Amino acid sequence: MSKNYFKNNPDKDGFFGTYGGAFIPPNLEEEMKKINDAYFSISKSHKFINELRQIRKHFQGRPTPVYHCGRLSQKYGGQIYLKREDLNHTGAHKLNHCMGEALLAKHMGKKKLIAETGAGQHGVALATAAAYFGLECEIHMGEVDISKEYPNVQRMKVLGTTVIPVTHGLKTLKEAVDSAFEAYLKDPINSIYCIGSVVGPHPFPMMVRDFQRVVGIEAKDQFLEMTGELPDNVVACVGGGSNAMGIFSAFLFDDECALYGIEPGGTSLKMGEHAATMTLGKPGTIHGFKCYVLQDENGEPAPVHSIASGLDYPGVGPEHSMLKDLEKVTYDSITDKECIDAFFELSRLEGIIPALESSHAVAYAIKLAQKNPQQSILVNLSG
């Protein structure tokens, strides 16, 4: 892992090793190039950086704290800490990249933000960003997730966003991505597709990672201040993988920190009953980029399941795919039942109600604490 890692990954064509890239229609290639050029231009600008810092401090409420789970640690062993992204404005880490993407869109003269959402947190965050900057917003969401996450649907509507129900296929996250991408194709000049994770065609995996790096930067400094050392283990849930890349990015060069990305094992590891892409997938192409993909017998994206709507995606971020091959991050899975058990344990022992997505990471942290009672564990409580 070179110290020039972030300058070299992705490369100029958007590849993290052999993963990533931009496999998109010709009419979108020029628009993606404009987005890439604009991002590199303004991300080096003092004015842009200063405005984003002010937004994070005065609007989002950053930095979010690191919290020591005293009672959870006492029960299970180890020393379990949480990076409290649930205290970020709107209740999850998603606003970190949504405010950055919306600021970029405004700089480019875009009038409309388009995106997908699974659990609804990305949708709420982008709706918030649109309201803040005075932009239109359209969120595509599967009918199944609309039913499961109805309070977030109402939040989006209160913020002035149009919510488009997606009624085809399994009516969940993958279909919402399909629908949002089709809507963006109709008018890429005036709109921008604000992808909700470190997925999609270049430059989005890079941009979302860069905007989420604030999580890791804060957490590393906070943990050092609290304990005088780095954590032995860093744990985060992985669907597309934005919250995990955010916190992992600060510890990639620290060999004493073991990194764990936790996927949804669902109800079993049979096809259609889980979304453990890194565990059971293989390299393929989905939504305009190459990554590990869960595939059926025909090589098409397989049906997936997770109790957590934000994790039920058959692909994963290309950077995660590279880190798996490099064996820099260990990827494992947690079942729906283990997720629910951890959800209630954290709620009742610490007074913190986590998202089901984050509960996968909490469940794995409990396992690590029982196995290594003398080690510290930092969990990204992403929502």
Protein backbone atom coordinates (compact mmCIF):
# COMPACT_ATOMS: atom_id res chain seq x y z
CA MET A 1 0.00 0.00 0.00
CA SER A 2 1.79 3.11 -1.28
CA LYS A 3 1.51 6.45 0.49
CA ASN A 4 0.38 7.78 -2.91
CA TYR A 5 -2.55 5.35 -2.73
CA PHE A 6 -5.31 7.94 -3.05
CA LYS A 7 -3.62 9.69 -5.98
CA ASN A 8 -3.10 6.39 -7.80
CA ASN A 9 -6.43 4.76 -7.05
CA PRO A 10 -8.37 4.91 -9.20
CA ASP A 11 -6.16 5.36 -12.26
CA LYS A 12 -7.00 7.90 -14.98
CA ASP A 13 -9.55 5.50 -16.50
CA GLY A 14 -11.31 4.93 -13.19
CA PHE A 15 -9.92 1.49 -12.37
CA PHE A 16 -8.98 0.17 -8.93
CA GLY A 17 -6.69 -2.58 -10.16
CA THR A 18 -8.92 -4.48 -12.57
CA TYR A 19 -12.20 -3.18 -11.10
CA GLY A 20 -14.24 -0.05 -11.78
CA GLY A 21 -14.11 1.83 -15.05
CA ALA A 22 -17.08 3.28 -16.93
CA PHE A 23 -19.04 0.90 -19.16
CA ILE A 24 -21.69 3.37 -20.29
CA PRO A 25 -23.53 4.47 -23.44
CA PRO A 26 -21.54 6.81 -25.74
CA ASN A 27 -23.91 9.72 -25.10
CA LEU A 28 -22.99 9.58 -21.40
CA GLU A 29 -19.23 9.42 -21.83
CA GLU A 30 -18.93 13.16 -22.45
CA GLU A 31 -21.15 13.97 -19.45
CA MET A 32 -19.10 11.73 -17.16
CA LYS A 33 -15.94 13.42 -18.41
CA LYS A 34 -17.46 16.82 -17.55
CA ILE A 35 -18.32 15.60 -14.04
CA ASN A 36 -14.81 14.19 -13.60
CA ASP A 37 -13.14 17.37 -14.84
CA ALA A 38 -15.37 19.57 -12.67
CA TYR A 39 -14.66 17.46 -9.60
CA PHE A 40 -10.89 17.62 -10.03
CA SER A 41 -11.14 21.35 -10.67
CA ILE A 42 -13.21 22.36 -7.66
CA SER A 43 -11.91 19.73 -5.22
CA LYS A 44 -8.58 21.57 -5.30
CA SER A 45 -10.27 24.94 -4.83
CA HIS A 46 -9.96 26.70 -1.48
CA LYS A 47 -13.45 28.17 -1.95
CA PHE A 48 -15.06 24.74 -2.49
CA ILE A 49 -13.13 23.10 0.36
CA ASN A 50 -13.91 25.94 2.75
CA GLU A 51 -17.63 25.92 1.87
CA LEU A 52 -17.81 22.15 2.40
CA ARG A 53 -16.03 22.46 5.75
CA GLN A 54 -18.46 25.16 6.86
CA ILE A 55 -21.42 23.01 5.83
CA ARG A 56 -20.05 20.04 7.74
CA LYS A 57 -19.47 22.07 10.90
CA HIS A 58 -22.49 24.37 11.00
CA PHE A 59 -25.16 22.35 9.13
CA GLN A 60 -24.26 18.68 9.50
CA GLY A 61 -22.96 18.90 13.07
CA ARG A 62 -19.52 17.40 12.39
CA PRO A 63 -17.37 16.11 13.88
CA THR A 64 -19.52 13.23 15.12
CA PRO A 65 -18.18 11.63 18.32
CA VAL A 66 -16.53 8.30 19.05
CA TYR A 67 -18.31 6.57 21.95
CA HIS A 68 -17.13 3.76 24.24
CA CYS A 69 -19.78 1.07 24.80
CA GLY A 70 -19.12 0.33 28.48
CA ARG A 71 -21.96 -2.10 29.19
CA LEU A 72 -21.70 -3.89 25.83
CA SER A 73 -17.96 -4.32 26.39
CA GLN A 74 -18.47 -5.56 29.92
CA LYS A 75 -20.94 -8.21 28.75
CA TYR A 76 -19.04 -9.53 25.74
CA GLY A 77 -15.40 -8.68 26.40
CA GLY A 78 -13.05 -6.50 24.44
CA GLN A 79 -13.44 -2.74 24.28
CA ILE A 80 -16.10 -1.77 21.75
CA TYR A 81 -16.24 1.78 20.39
CA LEU A 82 -18.67 3.38 17.94
CA LYS A 83 -18.11 6.15 15.42
CA ARG A 84 -21.50 7.83 15.86
CA GLU A 85 -22.55 8.64 12.28
CA ASP A 86 -26.13 8.26 13.48
CA LEU A 87 -25.62 11.71 15.03
CA ASN A 88 -24.73 13.26 11.67
CA HIS A 89 -27.62 15.45 10.43
CA THR A 90 -30.38 13.29 8.83
CA GLY A 91 -29.21 10.30 10.89
CA ALA A 92 -26.56 8.59 8.76
CA HIS A 93 -23.23 9.00 6.98
CA LYS A 94 -24.99 9.57 3.62
CA LEU A 95 -25.12 13.36 3.98
CA ASN A 96 -21.30 13.49 3.81
CA HIS A 97 -21.26 12.73 0.10
CA CYS A 98 -24.70 14.15 -0.72
CA MET A 99 -23.70 17.67 0.30
CA GLY A 100 -20.50 17.30 -1.71
CA GLU A 101 -22.30 15.98 -4.79
CA ALA A 102 -24.97 18.71 -4.58
CA LEU A 103 -22.30 21.41 -4.21
CA LEU A 104 -20.59 20.00 -7.30
CA ALA A 105 -23.93 19.97 -9.17
CA LYS A 106 -24.55 23.61 -8.31
CA HIS A 107 -21.06 24.53 -9.49
CA MET A 108 -21.79 22.79 -12.81
CA GLY A 109 -25.10 24.62 -13.26
CA LYS A 110 -27.26 21.50 -12.85
CA LYS A 111 -30.88 22.03 -11.91
CA LYS A 112 -31.93 18.58 -10.74
CA LEU A 113 -30.54 15.79 -8.54
CA ILE A 114 -31.55 12.21 -9.32
CA ALA A 115 -30.78 9.15 -7.21
CA GLU A 116 -31.87 5.76 -5.96
CA THR A 117 -32.38 4.77 -2.35
CA GLY A 118 -32.81 1.49 -0.49
CA ALA A 119 -33.39 2.09 3.22
CA GLY A 120 -34.20 5.70 2.45
CA GLN A 121 -31.25 7.34 4.19
CA HIS A 122 -29.52 8.29 0.93
CA GLY A 123 -32.83 9.61 -0.37
CA VAL A 124 -33.39 11.71 2.73
CA ALA A 125 -29.82 13.00 2.64
CA LEU A 126 -30.02 14.00 -1.02
CA ALA A 127 -33.44 15.57 -0.48
CA THR A 128 -31.87 17.58 2.34
CA ALA A 129 -28.98 18.66 0.13
CA ALA A 130 -31.38 19.67 -2.64
CA ALA A 131 -33.42 21.79 -0.23
CA TYR A 132 -30.24 23.40 1.13
CA PHE A 133 -28.98 24.39 -2.33
CA GLY A 134 -32.38 25.13 -3.91
CA LEU A 135 -32.31 22.29 -6.45
CA GLU A 136 -34.99 19.90 -7.70
CA CYS A 137 -34.74 16.32 -6.50
CA GLU A 138 -36.12 12.99 -7.73
CA ILE A 139 -35.62 9.77 -5.76
CA HIS A 140 -36.34 6.29 -7.14
CA MET A 141 -37.26 3.67 -4.55
CA GLY A 142 -38.51 0.10 -4.84
CA GLU A 143 -42.09 -0.53 -3.75
CA VAL A 144 -40.93 -3.13 -1.24
CA ASP A 145 -38.57 -0.61 0.38
CA ILE A 146 -41.23 2.13 0.30
CA SER A 147 -43.40 -0.12 2.42
CA LYS A 148 -40.55 -1.11 4.78
CA GLU A 149 -39.14 2.39 5.16
CA TYR A 150 -42.26 4.56 4.94
CA PRO A 151 -41.17 7.19 7.52
CA ASN A 152 -38.16 8.03 5.32
CA VAL A 153 -40.48 8.36 2.31
CA GLN A 154 -42.47 10.95 4.23
CA ARG A 155 -39.30 12.80 5.20
CA MET A 156 -38.28 13.04 1.54
CA LYS A 157 -41.67 14.41 0.58
CA VAL A 158 -41.61 16.98 3.42
CA LEU A 159 -38.26 18.19 2.02
CA GLY A 160 -39.89 18.78 -1.37
CA THR A 161 -38.59 15.72 -3.22
CA THR A 162 -40.50 13.64 -5.77
CA VAL A 163 -40.42 9.93 -4.85
CA ILE A 164 -40.78 7.56 -7.82
CA PRO A 165 -42.02 4.04 -6.88
CA VAL A 166 -40.19 1.27 -8.77
CA THR A 167 -42.55 -1.59 -9.60
CA HIS A 168 -40.51 -4.03 -11.71
CA GLY A 169 -38.36 -7.01 -10.72
CA LEU A 170 -37.85 -7.53 -7.00
CA LYS A 171 -38.87 -3.88 -6.39
CA THR A 172 -35.81 -3.20 -4.20
CA LEU A 173 -32.42 -1.46 -4.46
CA LYS A 174 -31.06 -2.91 -7.72
CA GLU A 175 -34.28 -2.01 -9.56
CA ALA A 176 -34.21 1.47 -8.02
CA VAL A 177 -30.70 1.97 -9.44
CA ASP A 178 -31.92 0.80 -12.86
CA SER A 179 -34.84 3.23 -12.75
CA ALA A 180 -32.81 6.22 -11.56
CA PHE A 181 -30.15 5.62 -14.20
CA GLU A 182 -32.82 5.49 -16.94
CA ALA A 183 -34.27 8.79 -15.68
CA TYR A 184 -30.82 10.40 -15.75
CA LEU A 185 -30.26 9.22 -19.34
CA LYS A 186 -33.26 11.28 -20.45
CA ASP A 187 -31.64 14.59 -19.51
CA PRO A 188 -27.98 14.38 -18.48
CA ILE A 189 -27.45 18.04 -19.43
CA ASN A 190 -29.65 19.57 -16.72
CA SER A 191 -29.57 16.77 -14.16
CA ILE A 192 -26.91 14.79 -12.31
CA TYR A 193 -27.14 11.25 -10.97
CA CYS A 194 -25.95 11.40 -7.36
CA ILE A 195 -25.04 7.78 -6.72
CA GLY A 196 -25.59 6.70 -3.13
CA SER A 197 -22.47 4.61 -2.57
CA VAL A 198 -18.95 3.89 -3.84
CA VAL A 199 -20.44 2.19 -6.90
CA GLY A 200 -21.36 3.09 -10.48
CA PRO A 201 -19.24 4.32 -13.38
CA HIS A 202 -16.16 6.47 -12.83
CA PRO A 203 -15.84 9.06 -11.27
CA PHE A 204 -18.53 8.24 -8.67
CA PRO A 205 -16.73 5.52 -6.65
CA MET A 206 -13.80 7.91 -6.26
CA MET A 207 -15.89 10.99 -5.43
CA VAL A 208 -18.09 9.26 -2.86
CA ARG A 209 -15.03 7.73 -1.18
CA ASP A 210 -13.30 11.10 -1.04
CA PHE A 211 -16.34 12.81 0.50
CA GLN A 212 -16.69 9.97 3.04
CA ARG A 213 -13.03 10.05 4.08
CA VAL A 214 -13.99 12.62 6.71
CA VAL A 215 -15.39 9.74 8.80
CA GLY A 216 -12.05 7.95 9.01
CA ILE A 217 -10.02 11.11 9.48
CA GLU A 218 -12.15 12.14 12.46
CA ALA A 219 -12.36 8.65 13.94
CA LYS A 220 -8.61 8.04 13.86
CA ASP A 221 -7.80 11.30 15.63
CA GLN A 222 -10.60 10.80 18.16
CA PHE A 223 -9.61 7.22 18.99
CA LEU A 224 -5.96 8.22 19.46
CA GLU A 225 -7.01 11.05 21.76
CA MET A 226 -9.27 8.74 23.80
CA THR A 227 -6.94 5.75 24.14
CA GLY A 228 -3.44 6.81 23.07
CA GLU A 229 -3.30 4.09 20.43
CA LEU A 230 -5.00 2.85 17.29
CA PRO A 231 -7.85 0.32 17.40
CA ASP A 232 -6.93 -3.33 16.98
CA ASN A 233 -9.97 -3.85 14.74
CA VAL A 234 -12.13 -1.60 12.54
CA VAL A 235 -15.53 -2.94 11.49
CA ALA A 236 -18.15 -1.60 9.06
CA CYS A 237 -21.10 -3.02 7.16
CA VAL A 238 -20.84 -3.35 3.37
CA GLY A 239 -23.61 -3.14 0.80
CA GLY A 240 -22.22 -0.84 -1.86
CA GLY A 241 -19.65 0.11 0.74
CA SER A 242 -19.59 3.89 1.23
CA ASN A 243 -19.49 3.96 5.04
CA ALA A 244 -16.87 1.20 5.10
CA MET A 245 -14.60 2.99 2.60
CA GLY A 246 -15.05 6.17 4.61
CA ILE A 247 -13.66 4.70 7.81
CA PHE A 248 -11.25 2.14 6.26
CA SER A 249 -9.51 4.90 4.28
CA ALA A 250 -7.82 6.26 7.40
CA PHE A 251 -6.41 2.87 8.47
CA LEU A 252 -5.25 1.33 5.18
CA PHE A 253 -1.58 1.97 5.99
CA ASP A 254 -1.76 0.82 9.63
CA ASP A 255 -0.83 -2.85 9.71
CA GLU A 256 -1.72 -3.12 13.39
CA CYS A 257 -5.39 -2.43 12.52
CA ALA A 258 -7.39 -5.38 11.15
CA LEU A 259 -10.19 -4.21 8.83
CA TYR A 260 -13.49 -6.11 8.51
CA GLY A 261 -16.24 -5.48 5.96
CA ILE A 262 -19.48 -7.19 6.98
CA GLU A 263 -22.09 -8.23 4.43
CA PRO A 264 -25.67 -9.50 4.83
CA GLY A 265 -25.84 -13.27 5.16
CA GLY A 266 -29.63 -13.04 5.10
CA THR A 267 -31.54 -16.20 6.02
CA SER A 268 -29.09 -18.63 4.38
CA LEU A 269 -26.30 -18.65 1.81
CA LYS A 270 -28.58 -20.08 -0.88
CA MET A 271 -29.04 -17.89 -3.96
CA GLY A 272 -31.73 -15.27 -3.38
CA GLU A 273 -31.57 -15.53 0.41
CA HIS A 274 -28.52 -13.32 1.07
CA ALA A 275 -26.47 -10.44 -0.40
CA ALA A 276 -22.97 -11.65 0.51
CA THR A 277 -21.34 -10.39 -2.68
CA MET A 278 -17.72 -10.54 -1.56
CA THR A 279 -18.16 -13.96 0.02
CA LEU A 280 -19.96 -15.71 -2.85
CA GLY A 281 -19.73 -13.39 -5.88
CA LYS A 282 -17.28 -13.30 -8.74
CA PRO A 283 -15.97 -10.52 -11.01
CA GLY A 284 -18.58 -9.14 -13.39
CA THR A 285 -20.15 -5.92 -14.64
CA ILE A 286 -23.19 -4.16 -13.20
CA HIS A 287 -24.54 -0.62 -13.55
CA GLY A 288 -21.63 0.58 -15.67
CA PHE A 289 -18.66 -0.72 -13.68
CA LYS A 290 -16.74 -3.92 -12.91
CA CYS A 291 -16.75 -5.43 -9.42
CA TYR A 292 -17.58 -8.62 -7.57
CA VAL A 293 -21.18 -9.51 -8.47
CA LEU A 294 -23.59 -12.19 -7.26
CA GLN A 295 -24.57 -13.94 -10.48
CA ASP A 296 -27.13 -16.54 -11.51
CA GLU A 297 -26.49 -19.50 -13.83
CA ASN A 298 -26.76 -17.18 -16.86
CA GLY A 299 -24.21 -14.70 -15.55
CA GLU A 300 -26.90 -12.11 -14.76
CA PRO A 301 -27.10 -10.31 -11.38
CA ALA A 302 -28.70 -12.77 -8.97
CA PRO A 303 -31.71 -12.00 -6.75
CA VAL A 304 -30.64 -10.90 -3.28
CA HIS A 305 -32.13 -10.55 0.19
CA SER A 306 -31.32 -8.71 3.38
CA ILE A 307 -33.38 -7.58 6.32
CA ALA A 308 -31.52 -4.27 5.83
CA SER A 309 -32.82 -2.52 2.71
CA GLY A 310 -29.60 -0.55 2.26
CA LEU A 311 -27.50 -3.71 1.87
CA ASP A 312 -29.55 -5.81 -0.57
CA TYR A 313 -27.44 -5.12 -3.66
CA PRO A 314 -25.80 -7.83 -5.85
CA GLY A 315 -22.70 -5.72 -6.57
CA VAL A 316 -20.17 -3.86 -4.40
CA GLY A 317 -17.75 -0.97 -4.73
CA PRO A 318 -14.79 -1.58 -7.08
CA GLU A 319 -12.33 -0.38 -4.46
CA HIS A 320 -13.65 -3.00 -2.03
CA SER A 321 -13.19 -5.60 -4.77
CA MET A 322 -9.55 -4.60 -5.14
CA LEU A 323 -8.96 -4.56 -1.37
CA LYS A 324 -10.39 -8.08 -1.14
CA ASP A 325 -7.96 -9.35 -3.77
CA LEU A 326 -5.09 -7.59 -1.99
CA GLU A 327 -6.23 -9.23 1.28
CA LYS A 328 -6.12 -5.82 2.95
CA VAL A 329 -9.68 -6.16 4.24
CA THR A 330 -11.39 -9.31 5.53
CA TYR A 331 -14.97 -9.64 4.27
CA ASP A 332 -17.44 -11.79 6.20
CA SER A 333 -21.20 -12.05 6.67
CA ILE A 334 -23.81 -11.80 9.42
CA THR A 335 -27.25 -13.40 9.27
CA ASP A 336 -30.57 -11.58 9.65
CA LYS A 337 -31.02 -13.18 13.07
CA GLU A 338 -27.57 -12.15 14.30
CA CYS A 339 -28.29 -8.64 13.02
CA ILE A 340 -31.58 -8.40 14.95
CA ASP A 341 -30.00 -9.76 18.13
CA ALA A 342 -27.23 -7.13 17.94
CA PHE A 343 -29.82 -4.44 17.21
CA PHE A 344 -31.58 -5.14 20.51
CA GLU A 345 -28.35 -5.62 22.47
CA LEU A 346 -27.02 -2.19 21.54
CA SER A 347 -30.43 -0.57 22.04
CA ARG A 348 -30.99 -2.04 25.51
CA LEU A 349 -27.43 -1.98 26.86
CA GLU A 350 -26.34 1.43 25.55
CA GLY A 351 -29.54 3.36 24.73
CA ILE A 352 -28.52 3.66 21.06
CA ILE A 353 -30.93 2.38 18.41
CA PRO A 354 -28.86 1.54 15.31
CA ALA A 355 -29.88 1.07 11.71
CA LEU A 356 -30.24 -2.55 10.64
CA GLU A 357 -27.37 -1.96 8.22
CA SER A 358 -25.06 -0.91 11.06
CA SER A 359 -26.34 -3.75 13.23
CA HIS A 360 -24.48 -6.19 10.97
CA ALA A 361 -21.23 -4.51 11.99
CA VAL A 362 -22.25 -4.45 15.67
CA ALA A 363 -23.02 -8.18 15.54
CA TYR A 364 -19.58 -8.91 14.11
CA ALA A 365 -17.93 -6.68 16.72
CA ILE A 366 -19.61 -8.73 19.46
CA LYS A 367 -18.16 -11.90 17.91
CA LEU A 368 -14.69 -10.33 17.77
CA ALA A 369 -14.96 -9.18 21.38
CA GLN A 370 -15.81 -12.69 22.56
CA LYS A 371 -12.95 -14.16 20.53
CA ASN A 372 -10.36 -11.48 21.46
CA PRO A 373 -11.35 -10.04 24.85
CA GLN A 374 -8.13 -8.04 25.21
CA GLN A 375 -8.52 -6.14 21.93
CA SER A 376 -10.24 -2.88 20.98
CA ILE A 377 -12.87 -2.69 18.24
CA LEU A 378 -14.01 0.45 16.44
CA VAL A 379 -17.36 0.12 14.65
CA ASN A 380 -18.66 2.62 12.14
CA LEU A 381 -22.24 3.07 13.32
CA SER A 382 -23.20 4.38 9.92
CA GLY A 383 -26.81 5.19 10.83
